[in-house]
Amino acid sequence: MSKINLRKKLEKFSEHWSPKVIAEMNDYQFKLVKIKGDFVWHNHADTDETFIVIEGEMKIEFEDKTVELTEGEMYVVPKGVEHKPYAEKECKIMIIEPRGVVNTGNTEGDLTASNDVWI
């Protein structure tokens, strides 16, 4: 394993809502994602999901509140909790979750990305 430069990895793709795996630790994957606009309401029944903002700002909407995140902040969405990420302008984030987790969780649709894509 060699060191990983997050900014250089982020330069390798431009599409939004399409997670790219950059590393694994045990059964967990570290994924970089560029987000912009609305995502879909979804949940992950069997796992928590961690969002870390590298660059920009994002929001995670819940039924009863909205969490705003800026560069250097993170939030852990508990398993089974319905949520919807959103970014007005492009935001670059890292997601940490177990291998095999589909980005749209329990909701299939146009934004469902191919899983386990490495860069």
N, C-alpha and C. Protein backbone atom coordinates (compact mmCIF):
# COMPACT_ATOMS: atom_id res chain seq x y z
N MET A 1 0.85 -1.19 0.00
CA MET A 1 0.00 0.00 0.00
C MET A 1 0.88 1.24 0.00
N SER A 2 0.56 2.18 -0.85
CA SER A 2 1.28 3.45 -0.87
C SER A 2 0.34 4.56 -0.44
N LYS A 3 0.92 5.71 -0.18
CA LYS A 3 0.08 6.83 0.27
C LYS A 3 -0.89 7.24 -0.82
N ILE A 4 -2.00 7.84 -0.40
CA ILE A 4 -3.06 8.25 -1.31
C ILE A 4 -3.26 9.76 -1.19
N ASN A 5 -3.21 10.45 -2.31
CA ASN A 5 -3.45 11.88 -2.34
C ASN A 5 -4.91 12.10 -2.76
N LEU A 6 -5.72 12.59 -1.85
CA LEU A 6 -7.15 12.74 -2.11
C LEU A 6 -7.43 13.69 -3.27
N ARG A 7 -6.72 14.80 -3.32
CA ARG A 7 -6.96 15.78 -4.39
C ARG A 7 -6.62 15.20 -5.77
N LYS A 8 -5.53 14.43 -5.86
CA LYS A 8 -5.18 13.82 -7.15
C LYS A 8 -6.21 12.77 -7.55
N LYS A 9 -6.72 12.03 -6.59
CA LYS A 9 -7.77 11.03 -6.89
C LYS A 9 -9.03 11.74 -7.37
N LEU A 10 -9.39 12.86 -6.74
CA LEU A 10 -10.58 13.61 -7.13
C LEU A 10 -10.47 14.18 -8.55
N GLU A 11 -9.25 14.43 -9.00
CA GLU A 11 -9.04 14.95 -10.36
C GLU A 11 -9.30 13.89 -11.42
N LYS A 12 -9.38 12.64 -11.06
CA LYS A 12 -9.52 11.54 -12.02
C LYS A 12 -10.95 11.31 -12.52
N PHE A 13 -11.93 12.01 -11.93
CA PHE A 13 -13.31 11.84 -12.40
C PHE A 13 -14.08 13.13 -12.22
N SER A 14 -15.19 13.26 -12.98
CA SER A 14 -15.97 14.50 -12.92
C SER A 14 -17.45 14.26 -12.63
N GLU A 15 -17.93 13.03 -12.81
CA GLU A 15 -19.36 12.78 -12.63
C GLU A 15 -19.78 12.92 -11.16
N HIS A 16 -21.05 13.27 -10.97
CA HIS A 16 -21.61 13.44 -9.64
C HIS A 16 -22.35 12.17 -9.21
N TRP A 17 -22.39 11.96 -7.91
CA TRP A 17 -23.14 10.86 -7.28
C TRP A 17 -22.65 9.48 -7.72
N SER A 18 -21.37 9.37 -8.03
CA SER A 18 -20.80 8.10 -8.48
C SER A 18 -19.55 7.78 -7.64
N PRO A 19 -19.73 7.13 -6.49
CA PRO A 19 -18.61 6.86 -5.56
C PRO A 19 -17.48 6.05 -6.20
N LYS A 20 -16.25 6.46 -5.88
CA LYS A 20 -15.05 5.77 -6.35
C LYS A 20 -14.25 5.30 -5.14
N VAL A 21 -13.94 4.01 -5.11
CA VAL A 21 -13.19 3.44 -3.99
C VAL A 21 -11.72 3.79 -4.13
N ILE A 22 -11.11 4.25 -3.02
CA ILE A 22 -9.68 4.56 -3.04
C ILE A 22 -8.88 3.69 -2.08
N ALA A 23 -9.55 3.02 -1.14
CA ALA A 23 -8.84 2.16 -0.18
C ALA A 23 -9.85 1.29 0.56
N GLU A 24 -9.31 0.23 1.16
CA GLU A 24 -10.11 -0.64 2.02
C GLU A 24 -9.36 -0.87 3.32
N MET A 25 -10.13 -0.99 4.39
CA MET A 25 -9.59 -1.34 5.70
C MET A 25 -10.54 -2.38 6.29
N ASN A 26 -10.04 -3.57 6.49
CA ASN A 26 -10.89 -4.69 6.89
C ASN A 26 -12.01 -4.82 5.86
N ASP A 27 -13.25 -4.74 6.26
CA ASP A 27 -14.37 -4.84 5.31
C ASP A 27 -14.93 -3.48 4.91
N TYR A 28 -14.25 -2.39 5.30
CA TYR A 28 -14.74 -1.05 5.01
C TYR A 28 -14.03 -0.43 3.81
N GLN A 29 -14.80 0.33 3.03
CA GLN A 29 -14.24 1.02 1.88
C GLN A 29 -14.26 2.53 2.13
N PHE A 30 -13.22 3.19 1.64
CA PHE A 30 -13.13 4.65 1.63
C PHE A 30 -13.44 5.07 0.21
N LYS A 31 -14.51 5.87 0.04
CA LYS A 31 -14.97 6.24 -1.29
C LYS A 31 -14.98 7.76 -1.43
N LEU A 32 -14.48 8.24 -2.57
CA LEU A 32 -14.57 9.66 -2.90
C LEU A 32 -15.77 9.86 -3.81
N VAL A 33 -16.49 10.96 -3.58
CA VAL A 33 -17.68 11.27 -4.37
C VAL A 33 -17.75 12.78 -4.58
N LYS A 34 -18.13 13.17 -5.78
CA LYS A 34 -18.48 14.56 -6.05
C LYS A 34 -19.99 14.61 -6.11
N ILE A 35 -20.57 15.54 -5.35
CA ILE A 35 -22.03 15.64 -5.32
C ILE A 35 -22.46 17.04 -5.72
N LYS A 36 -23.64 17.11 -6.32
CA LYS A 36 -24.22 18.41 -6.69
C LYS A 36 -25.70 18.19 -6.95
N GLY A 37 -26.53 19.06 -6.37
CA GLY A 37 -27.97 18.94 -6.52
C GLY A 37 -28.56 17.96 -5.53
N ASP A 38 -29.76 17.49 -5.84
CA ASP A 38 -30.48 16.57 -4.97
C ASP A 38 -30.10 15.13 -5.22
N PHE A 39 -30.08 14.34 -4.16
CA PHE A 39 -29.96 12.90 -4.26
C PHE A 39 -31.35 12.33 -4.00
N VAL A 40 -31.44 11.08 -3.64
CA VAL A 40 -32.74 10.45 -3.37
C VAL A 40 -32.86 10.13 -1.88
N TRP A 41 -34.10 10.11 -1.39
CA TRP A 41 -34.35 9.64 -0.04
C TRP A 41 -34.03 8.15 -0.01
N HIS A 42 -33.27 7.73 0.98
CA HIS A 42 -32.90 6.32 1.09
C HIS A 42 -32.39 6.01 2.49
N ASN A 43 -32.18 4.73 2.76
CA ASN A 43 -31.52 4.33 4.00
C ASN A 43 -30.68 3.09 3.72
N HIS A 44 -29.84 2.79 4.67
CA HIS A 44 -29.01 1.58 4.62
C HIS A 44 -29.38 0.77 5.85
N ALA A 45 -30.17 -0.28 5.64
CA ALA A 45 -30.76 -1.03 6.74
C ALA A 45 -29.73 -1.71 7.64
N ASP A 46 -28.57 -2.06 7.08
CA ASP A 46 -27.62 -2.87 7.85
C ASP A 46 -26.34 -2.17 8.26
N THR A 47 -26.20 -0.88 7.95
CA THR A 47 -24.94 -0.22 8.27
C THR A 47 -25.09 1.29 8.46
N ASP A 48 -24.21 1.84 9.29
CA ASP A 48 -24.07 3.28 9.39
C ASP A 48 -23.33 3.76 8.13
N GLU A 49 -23.39 5.08 7.89
CA GLU A 49 -22.69 5.66 6.74
C GLU A 49 -22.04 6.96 7.19
N THR A 50 -20.75 7.11 6.93
CA THR A 50 -20.01 8.29 7.36
C THR A 50 -19.75 9.21 6.18
N PHE A 51 -20.07 10.49 6.33
CA PHE A 51 -19.80 11.52 5.33
C PHE A 51 -18.73 12.45 5.88
N ILE A 52 -17.65 12.68 5.12
CA ILE A 52 -16.59 13.62 5.49
C ILE A 52 -16.44 14.61 4.35
N VAL A 53 -16.61 15.90 4.63
CA VAL A 53 -16.51 16.92 3.59
C VAL A 53 -15.04 17.33 3.41
N ILE A 54 -14.56 17.15 2.19
CA ILE A 54 -13.18 17.52 1.85
C ILE A 54 -13.15 18.95 1.32
N GLU A 55 -14.11 19.27 0.45
CA GLU A 55 -14.15 20.60 -0.16
C GLU A 55 -15.60 20.96 -0.46
N GLY A 56 -16.03 22.15 -0.05
CA GLY A 56 -17.39 22.61 -0.32
C GLY A 56 -18.31 22.47 0.88
N GLU A 57 -19.60 22.50 0.58
CA GLU A 57 -20.63 22.42 1.61
C GLU A 57 -21.74 21.49 1.15
N MET A 58 -22.34 20.79 2.10
CA MET A 58 -23.45 19.90 1.78
C MET A 58 -24.44 19.89 2.93
N LYS A 59 -25.61 19.33 2.64
CA LYS A 59 -26.62 19.15 3.66
C LYS A 59 -27.08 17.70 3.62
N ILE A 60 -27.47 17.19 4.76
CA ILE A 60 -28.11 15.88 4.82
C ILE A 60 -29.47 16.11 5.47
N GLU A 61 -30.52 15.87 4.68
CA GLU A 61 -31.87 16.05 5.19
C GLU A 61 -32.37 14.77 5.84
N PHE A 62 -33.07 14.95 6.95
CA PHE A 62 -33.73 13.86 7.67
C PHE A 62 -35.19 14.23 7.82
N GLU A 63 -36.01 13.32 8.28
CA GLU A 63 -37.44 13.61 8.46
C GLU A 63 -37.68 14.79 9.39
N ASP A 64 -36.83 14.93 10.41
CA ASP A 64 -37.08 15.94 11.44
C ASP A 64 -36.04 17.04 11.54
N LYS A 65 -34.99 16.99 10.70
CA LYS A 65 -33.94 18.02 10.78
C LYS A 65 -33.08 17.98 9.53
N THR A 66 -32.23 19.00 9.39
CA THR A 66 -31.23 19.05 8.33
C THR A 66 -29.88 19.35 8.97
N VAL A 67 -28.87 18.56 8.60
CA VAL A 67 -27.52 18.76 9.10
C VAL A 67 -26.70 19.40 7.99
N GLU A 68 -26.05 20.52 8.31
CA GLU A 68 -25.20 21.21 7.34
C GLU A 68 -23.75 20.89 7.66
N LEU A 69 -22.99 20.53 6.62
CA LEU A 69 -21.58 20.20 6.79
C LEU A 69 -20.72 21.05 5.87
N THR A 70 -19.58 21.51 6.39
CA THR A 70 -18.62 22.26 5.59
C THR A 70 -17.27 21.54 5.66
N GLU A 71 -16.30 22.06 4.93
CA GLU A 71 -14.97 21.45 4.84
C GLU A 71 -14.43 21.10 6.22
N GLY A 72 -13.95 19.86 6.33
CA GLY A 72 -13.35 19.41 7.58
C GLY A 72 -14.35 18.85 8.58
N GLU A 73 -15.63 18.82 8.23
CA GLU A 73 -16.64 18.28 9.14
C GLU A 73 -17.12 16.92 8.65
N MET A 74 -17.65 16.14 9.60
CA MET A 74 -18.16 14.82 9.26
C MET A 74 -19.43 14.54 10.04
N TYR A 75 -20.18 13.56 9.53
CA TYR A 75 -21.42 13.15 10.19
C TYR A 75 -21.63 11.66 9.92
N VAL A 76 -22.08 10.95 10.95
CA VAL A 76 -22.39 9.53 10.81
C VAL A 76 -23.91 9.36 10.81
N VAL A 77 -24.44 8.85 9.70
CA VAL A 77 -25.87 8.56 9.61
C VAL A 77 -26.07 7.14 10.15
N PRO A 78 -26.88 6.99 11.20
CA PRO A 78 -27.10 5.65 11.76
C PRO A 78 -27.84 4.73 10.79
N LYS A 79 -27.57 3.44 10.90
CA LYS A 79 -28.22 2.47 10.02
C LYS A 79 -29.73 2.56 10.15
N GLY A 80 -30.38 2.38 9.00
CA GLY A 80 -31.84 2.38 8.97
C GLY A 80 -32.50 3.75 8.97
N VAL A 81 -31.72 4.83 9.08
CA VAL A 81 -32.29 6.18 9.14
C VAL A 81 -32.43 6.74 7.72
N GLU A 82 -33.65 7.13 7.37
CA GLU A 82 -33.95 7.71 6.06
C GLU A 82 -33.26 9.08 5.95
N HIS A 83 -32.53 9.30 4.85
CA HIS A 83 -31.81 10.56 4.67
C HIS A 83 -31.66 10.89 3.19
N LYS A 84 -31.35 12.17 2.94
CA LYS A 84 -31.17 12.64 1.56
C LYS A 84 -30.05 13.69 1.53
N PRO A 85 -28.88 13.32 0.97
CA PRO A 85 -27.81 14.29 0.81
C PRO A 85 -28.16 15.32 -0.28
N TYR A 86 -27.57 16.50 -0.17
CA TYR A 86 -27.83 17.58 -1.11
C TYR A 86 -26.65 18.55 -1.09
N ALA A 87 -26.30 19.09 -2.25
CA ALA A 87 -25.29 20.15 -2.33
C ALA A 87 -25.70 21.14 -3.39
N GLU A 88 -25.81 22.40 -3.03
CA GLU A 88 -26.19 23.43 -3.98
C GLU A 88 -25.12 23.59 -5.06
N LYS A 89 -23.85 23.64 -4.65
CA LYS A 89 -22.71 23.69 -5.57
C LYS A 89 -21.92 22.40 -5.39
N GLU A 90 -21.05 22.11 -6.34
CA GLU A 90 -20.29 20.87 -6.23
C GLU A 90 -19.56 20.78 -4.89
N CYS A 91 -19.66 19.62 -4.29
CA CYS A 91 -19.03 19.34 -3.01
C CYS A 91 -18.27 18.02 -3.15
N LYS A 92 -17.07 17.98 -2.62
CA LYS A 92 -16.24 16.78 -2.70
C LYS A 92 -16.18 16.14 -1.31
N ILE A 93 -16.59 14.87 -1.25
CA ILE A 93 -16.70 14.21 0.04
C ILE A 93 -16.05 12.83 0.02
N MET A 94 -15.81 12.31 1.22
CA MET A 94 -15.41 10.93 1.38
C MET A 94 -16.51 10.23 2.16
N ILE A 95 -16.84 9.03 1.72
CA ILE A 95 -17.81 8.20 2.41
C ILE A 95 -17.08 6.96 2.90
N ILE A 96 -17.34 6.57 4.13
CA ILE A 96 -16.77 5.34 4.67
C ILE A 96 -17.93 4.42 5.02
N GLU A 97 -17.91 3.23 4.43
CA GLU A 97 -18.97 2.26 4.64
C GLU A 97 -18.47 0.87 4.28
N PRO A 98 -19.17 -0.17 4.71
CA PRO A 98 -18.72 -1.53 4.39
C PRO A 98 -18.74 -1.82 2.89
N ARG A 99 -17.86 -2.70 2.47
CA ARG A 99 -17.80 -3.15 1.08
C ARG A 99 -19.18 -3.68 0.67
N GLY A 100 -19.60 -3.35 -0.54
CA GLY A 100 -20.86 -3.87 -1.07
C GLY A 100 -22.07 -2.98 -0.87
N VAL A 101 -21.93 -1.88 -0.14
CA VAL A 101 -23.06 -0.98 0.09
C VAL A 101 -23.36 -0.20 -1.19
N VAL A 102 -24.62 -0.23 -1.60
CA VAL A 102 -25.07 0.50 -2.80
C VAL A 102 -25.38 1.94 -2.40
N ASN A 103 -24.97 2.90 -3.23
CA ASN A 103 -25.10 4.31 -2.87
C ASN A 103 -26.55 4.75 -2.61
N THR A 104 -27.52 4.16 -3.27
CA THR A 104 -28.91 4.55 -3.08
C THR A 104 -29.63 3.66 -2.06
N GLY A 105 -28.90 2.80 -1.39
CA GLY A 105 -29.47 1.97 -0.34
C GLY A 105 -30.68 1.18 -0.80
N ASN A 106 -31.81 1.44 -0.16
CA ASN A 106 -33.05 0.71 -0.44
C ASN A 106 -33.84 1.28 -1.62
N THR A 107 -33.29 2.29 -2.31
CA THR A 107 -34.00 2.97 -3.39
C THR A 107 -33.23 2.83 -4.70
N GLU A 108 -33.73 2.02 -5.62
CA GLU A 108 -33.10 1.88 -6.93
C GLU A 108 -33.58 3.00 -7.84
N GLY A 109 -32.71 3.49 -8.73
CA GLY A 109 -33.13 4.54 -9.64
C GLY A 109 -32.00 5.02 -10.51
N ASP A 110 -32.20 6.16 -11.15
CA ASP A 110 -31.23 6.72 -12.09
C ASP A 110 -29.90 7.06 -11.43
N LEU A 111 -29.91 7.35 -10.13
CA LEU A 111 -28.68 7.72 -9.44
C LEU A 111 -27.97 6.54 -8.79
N THR A 112 -28.50 5.34 -8.97
CA THR A 112 -27.82 4.16 -8.44
C THR A 112 -26.54 3.95 -9.25
N ALA A 113 -25.41 3.98 -8.56
CA ALA A 113 -24.10 3.89 -9.22
C ALA A 113 -23.57 2.46 -9.22
N SER A 114 -22.69 2.18 -10.15
CA SER A 114 -21.99 0.89 -10.14
C SER A 114 -21.20 0.80 -8.84
N ASN A 115 -21.17 -0.39 -8.28
CA ASN A 115 -20.52 -0.57 -7.00
C ASN A 115 -19.08 -1.07 -7.19
N ASP A 116 -18.24 -0.76 -6.21
CA ASP A 116 -16.88 -1.28 -6.16
C ASP A 116 -16.02 -0.81 -7.35
N VAL A 117 -16.18 0.46 -7.75
CA VAL A 117 -15.37 1.05 -8.82
C VAL A 117 -14.18 1.73 -8.18
N TRP A 118 -12.97 1.24 -8.51
CA TRP A 118 -11.74 1.77 -7.94
C TRP A 118 -11.08 2.80 -8.87
N ILE A 119 -10.45 3.81 -8.25
CA ILE A 119 -9.61 4.74 -9.01
C ILE A 119 -8.25 4.81 -8.35
